[in-house]
Amino acid sequence: MEMVGDAPGFEESARALFAGEAGRFESLLLAWPEDVREHALWLATDAFAA
């Protein structure tokens, strides 16, 4: 994600995404700009669907 590659928690959020840790993923995105955070959450919706 080019827009947030240097954002706080980016690498940890990627690890949480691939580990299926939805709560951790969401909490790590809190420091990101709201519009970017909301879009990332939307993109990740299927990743956390059971």
Protein backbone atom coordinates (compact mmCIF):
# COMPACT_ATOMS: atom_id res chain seq x y z
CA MET A 1 0.00 0.00 0.00
CA GLU A 2 1.91 2.92 -1.33
CA MET A 3 0.03 5.56 0.67
CA VAL A 4 0.79 4.02 4.06
CA GLY A 5 4.04 2.14 3.52
CA ASP A 6 5.74 4.42 6.04
CA ALA A 7 2.72 4.81 8.32
CA PRO A 8 2.97 3.80 11.97
CA GLY A 9 2.17 0.13 12.38
CA PHE A 10 2.17 -0.68 8.67
CA GLU A 11 4.34 -3.79 8.89
CA GLU A 12 2.57 -5.06 11.99
CA SER A 13 -0.83 -4.46 10.36
CA ALA A 14 0.25 -6.51 7.34
CA ARG A 15 1.31 -9.33 9.67
CA ALA A 16 -2.04 -9.13 11.49
CA LEU A 17 -3.92 -9.19 8.18
CA PHE A 18 -2.15 -12.32 6.96
CA ALA A 19 -2.51 -13.97 10.38
CA GLY A 20 -6.27 -13.35 10.35
CA GLU A 21 -6.13 -11.18 13.48
CA ALA A 22 -8.96 -8.75 12.72
CA GLY A 23 -8.95 -6.93 16.07
CA ARG A 24 -5.22 -6.38 16.01
CA PHE A 25 -5.38 -5.26 12.39
CA GLU A 26 -8.08 -2.70 13.16
CA SER A 27 -6.30 -1.35 16.23
CA LEU A 28 -3.06 -0.86 14.31
CA LEU A 29 -4.87 1.21 11.69
CA LEU A 30 -6.10 3.76 14.23
CA ALA A 31 -3.05 5.98 13.67
CA TRP A 32 -3.70 6.16 9.92
CA PRO A 33 -5.71 8.92 8.20
CA GLU A 34 -9.42 8.10 8.46
CA ASP A 35 -10.10 7.78 4.73
CA VAL A 36 -7.12 5.47 4.22
CA ARG A 37 -8.05 3.43 7.30
CA GLU A 38 -11.65 2.99 6.15
CA HIS A 39 -10.55 1.92 2.69
CA ALA A 40 -8.03 -0.59 4.09
CA LEU A 41 -10.74 -2.04 6.34
CA TRP A 42 -13.08 -2.34 3.37
CA LEU A 43 -10.39 -4.07 1.31
CA ALA A 44 -9.72 -6.51 4.17
CA THR A 45 -13.38 -7.43 4.71
CA ASP A 46 -13.15 -10.76 2.88
CA ALA A 47 -9.88 -11.64 4.60
CA PHE A 48 -11.67 -11.79 7.95
CA ALA A 49 -14.93 -13.35 6.78
CA ALA A 50 -15.48 -16.74 8.40
